[in-house]
Amino acid sequence: MAEARCREAWAYTASRMALVANCHRDPRKRPTPYKPADFHPYLRQPEPPARKASIEVLKQVFVERS
């Protein structure tokens, strides 16, 4: 229940922050408006996973060349 209350409070705060940021936004520098999700810490997307390299690339990087 406490987490739900925090999420609701952050939803309200994030909406206000997006409103203020959009009021002060320069449309030439940032053509897309801010969304509340940009400021909501519970809605942030996780980091993308590391890219996987093929074995040939790893051999070129880590195996000594003779």
N, C-alpha and C. Protein backbone atom coordinates (compact mmCIF):
# COMPACT_ATOMS: atom_id res chain seq x y z
N MET A 1 0.82 -1.18 0.00
CA MET A 1 0.00 0.00 0.00
C MET A 1 0.87 1.26 0.00
N ALA A 2 1.99 1.19 0.69
CA ALA A 2 2.88 2.34 0.73
C ALA A 2 3.49 2.59 -0.64
N GLU A 3 3.81 1.52 -1.36
CA GLU A 3 4.39 1.69 -2.69
C GLU A 3 3.36 2.29 -3.65
N ALA A 4 2.12 1.88 -3.54
CA ALA A 4 1.08 2.44 -4.39
C ALA A 4 0.90 3.93 -4.13
N ARG A 5 1.01 4.31 -2.87
CA ARG A 5 0.89 5.74 -2.54
C ARG A 5 2.06 6.53 -3.11
N CYS A 6 3.26 5.95 -3.04
CA CYS A 6 4.44 6.60 -3.63
C CYS A 6 4.29 6.73 -5.14
N ARG A 7 3.81 5.68 -5.78
CA ARG A 7 3.62 5.72 -7.23
C ARG A 7 2.60 6.80 -7.62
N GLU A 8 1.53 6.91 -6.85
CA GLU A 8 0.51 7.91 -7.14
C GLU A 8 1.06 9.31 -6.93
N ALA A 9 1.84 9.50 -5.89
CA ALA A 9 2.45 10.80 -5.65
C ALA A 9 3.43 11.16 -6.75
N TRP A 10 4.21 10.18 -7.21
CA TRP A 10 5.15 10.43 -8.29
C TRP A 10 4.42 10.69 -9.61
N ALA A 11 3.29 10.06 -9.83
CA ALA A 11 2.51 10.32 -11.04
C ALA A 11 2.06 11.79 -11.07
N TYR A 12 1.61 12.28 -9.94
CA TYR A 12 1.21 13.67 -9.84
C TYR A 12 2.40 14.61 -10.05
N THR A 13 3.51 14.32 -9.38
CA THR A 13 4.70 15.15 -9.48
C THR A 13 5.26 15.13 -10.89
N ALA A 14 5.29 13.97 -11.52
CA ALA A 14 5.82 13.85 -12.87
C ALA A 14 4.97 14.64 -13.86
N SER A 15 3.67 14.66 -13.65
CA SER A 15 2.79 15.44 -14.52
C SER A 15 3.10 16.93 -14.40
N ARG A 16 3.29 17.37 -13.19
CA ARG A 16 3.63 18.79 -12.97
C ARG A 16 4.99 19.13 -13.55
N MET A 17 5.95 18.24 -13.40
CA MET A 17 7.29 18.49 -13.93
C MET A 17 7.26 18.54 -15.47
N ALA A 18 6.49 17.68 -16.10
CA ALA A 18 6.36 17.70 -17.56
C ALA A 18 5.70 18.99 -18.02
N LEU A 19 4.71 19.46 -17.28
CA LEU A 19 4.04 20.70 -17.62
C LEU A 19 5.01 21.88 -17.58
N VAL A 20 5.79 21.97 -16.52
CA VAL A 20 6.76 23.07 -16.38
C VAL A 20 7.85 22.96 -17.45
N ALA A 21 8.33 21.75 -17.69
CA ALA A 21 9.38 21.56 -18.70
C ALA A 21 8.87 21.93 -20.09
N ASN A 22 7.62 21.59 -20.40
CA ASN A 22 7.07 21.94 -21.71
C ASN A 22 6.83 23.43 -21.85
N CYS A 23 6.54 24.11 -20.75
CA CYS A 23 6.38 25.57 -20.80
C CYS A 23 7.69 26.26 -21.14
N HIS A 24 8.79 25.70 -20.69
CA HIS A 24 10.11 26.30 -20.89
C HIS A 24 10.90 25.62 -22.01
N ARG A 25 10.29 24.73 -22.74
CA ARG A 25 10.96 23.98 -23.81
C ARG A 25 11.13 24.86 -25.04
N ASP A 26 12.31 24.76 -25.66
CA ASP A 26 12.55 25.44 -26.94
C ASP A 26 12.18 24.47 -28.05
N PRO A 27 11.12 24.74 -28.82
CA PRO A 27 10.68 23.78 -29.84
C PRO A 27 11.73 23.52 -30.92
N ARG A 28 12.65 24.45 -31.14
CA ARG A 28 13.68 24.22 -32.15
C ARG A 28 14.73 23.23 -31.65
N LYS A 29 15.05 23.28 -30.36
CA LYS A 29 16.04 22.36 -29.81
C LYS A 29 15.46 21.00 -29.47
N ARG A 30 14.22 21.00 -29.00
CA ARG A 30 13.54 19.74 -28.66
C ARG A 30 12.14 19.77 -29.26
N PRO A 31 11.98 19.24 -30.47
CA PRO A 31 10.68 19.33 -31.13
C PRO A 31 9.59 18.47 -30.48
N THR A 32 9.96 17.38 -29.83
CA THR A 32 8.95 16.54 -29.19
C THR A 32 8.73 17.01 -27.75
N PRO A 33 7.49 17.10 -27.32
CA PRO A 33 7.23 17.54 -25.95
C PRO A 33 7.60 16.46 -24.93
N TYR A 34 7.84 16.90 -23.71
CA TYR A 34 8.12 15.98 -22.61
C TYR A 34 6.84 15.27 -22.22
N LYS A 35 6.98 14.05 -21.72
CA LYS A 35 5.86 13.28 -21.21
C LYS A 35 6.09 13.05 -19.71
N PRO A 36 5.04 12.84 -18.95
CA PRO A 36 5.24 12.55 -17.53
C PRO A 36 6.13 11.33 -17.29
N ALA A 37 6.11 10.38 -18.20
CA ALA A 37 6.96 9.19 -18.04
C ALA A 37 8.45 9.54 -18.08
N ASP A 38 8.81 10.68 -18.68
CA ASP A 38 10.20 11.10 -18.71
C ASP A 38 10.71 11.47 -17.32
N PHE A 39 9.82 11.79 -16.40
CA PHE A 39 10.20 12.23 -15.06
C PHE A 39 9.80 11.25 -13.97
N HIS A 40 9.08 10.22 -14.30
CA HIS A 40 8.55 9.28 -13.30
C HIS A 40 9.60 8.18 -13.05
N PRO A 41 10.17 8.10 -11.84
CA PRO A 41 11.23 7.11 -11.60
C PRO A 41 10.74 5.67 -11.62
N TYR A 42 9.47 5.42 -11.35
CA TYR A 42 8.97 4.05 -11.36
C TYR A 42 8.68 3.56 -12.78
N LEU A 43 8.59 4.47 -13.74
CA LEU A 43 8.26 4.09 -15.11
C LEU A 43 9.48 4.06 -16.02
N ARG A 44 10.66 4.30 -15.49
CA ARG A 44 11.87 4.31 -16.32
C ARG A 44 12.12 2.92 -16.89
N GLN A 45 12.55 2.90 -18.14
CA GLN A 45 12.84 1.64 -18.82
C GLN A 45 14.20 1.10 -18.35
N PRO A 46 14.32 -0.20 -18.20
CA PRO A 46 15.62 -0.76 -17.82
C PRO A 46 16.64 -0.58 -18.93
N GLU A 47 17.90 -0.68 -18.56
CA GLU A 47 18.97 -0.56 -19.54
C GLU A 47 18.87 -1.68 -20.56
N PRO A 48 19.15 -1.40 -21.82
CA PRO A 48 19.10 -2.47 -22.82
C PRO A 48 20.21 -3.49 -22.55
N PRO A 49 19.97 -4.75 -22.88
CA PRO A 49 21.00 -5.76 -22.63
C PRO A 49 22.22 -5.52 -23.51
N ALA A 50 23.34 -6.03 -23.04
CA ALA A 50 24.58 -5.88 -23.80
C ALA A 50 24.46 -6.63 -25.12
N ARG A 51 25.11 -6.10 -26.13
CA ARG A 51 25.06 -6.75 -27.43
C ARG A 51 25.95 -7.99 -27.43
N LYS A 52 25.51 -9.00 -28.14
CA LYS A 52 26.27 -10.22 -28.23
C LYS A 52 27.10 -10.19 -29.49
N ALA A 53 28.37 -10.54 -29.36
CA ALA A 53 29.27 -10.55 -30.50
C ALA A 53 29.48 -11.99 -30.96
N SER A 54 29.76 -12.13 -32.24
CA SER A 54 30.03 -13.47 -32.76
C SER A 54 31.43 -13.91 -32.33
N ILE A 55 31.70 -15.18 -32.45
CA ILE A 55 32.98 -15.73 -32.01
C ILE A 55 34.13 -15.19 -32.85
N GLU A 56 33.89 -14.84 -34.11
CA GLU A 56 34.96 -14.30 -34.95
C GLU A 56 35.41 -12.94 -34.44
N VAL A 57 34.48 -12.13 -34.02
CA VAL A 57 34.83 -10.81 -33.48
C VAL A 57 35.62 -10.98 -32.19
N LEU A 58 35.20 -11.89 -31.35
CA LEU A 58 35.91 -12.12 -30.09
C LEU A 58 37.32 -12.64 -30.35
N LYS A 59 37.48 -13.50 -31.35
CA LYS A 59 38.82 -14.00 -31.68
C LYS A 59 39.72 -12.87 -32.15
N GLN A 60 39.18 -11.95 -32.96
CA GLN A 60 39.97 -10.83 -33.44
C GLN A 60 40.42 -9.93 -32.30
N VAL A 61 39.60 -9.80 -31.30
CA VAL A 61 39.91 -8.89 -30.19
C VAL A 61 40.84 -9.53 -29.18
N PHE A 62 40.59 -10.79 -28.81
CA PHE A 62 41.28 -11.38 -27.67
C PHE A 62 42.38 -12.38 -28.00
N VAL A 63 42.43 -12.91 -29.19
CA VAL A 63 43.45 -13.90 -29.52
C VAL A 63 44.64 -13.17 -30.14
N GLU A 64 45.82 -13.57 -29.69
CA GLU A 64 47.04 -12.94 -30.21
C GLU A 64 47.23 -13.29 -31.66
N ARG A 65 47.66 -12.32 -32.41
CA ARG A 65 47.93 -12.56 -33.83
C ARG A 65 49.39 -12.98 -34.00
N SER A 66 49.62 -13.96 -34.87
CA SER A 66 51.00 -14.41 -35.06
C SER A 66 51.56 -13.97 -36.38
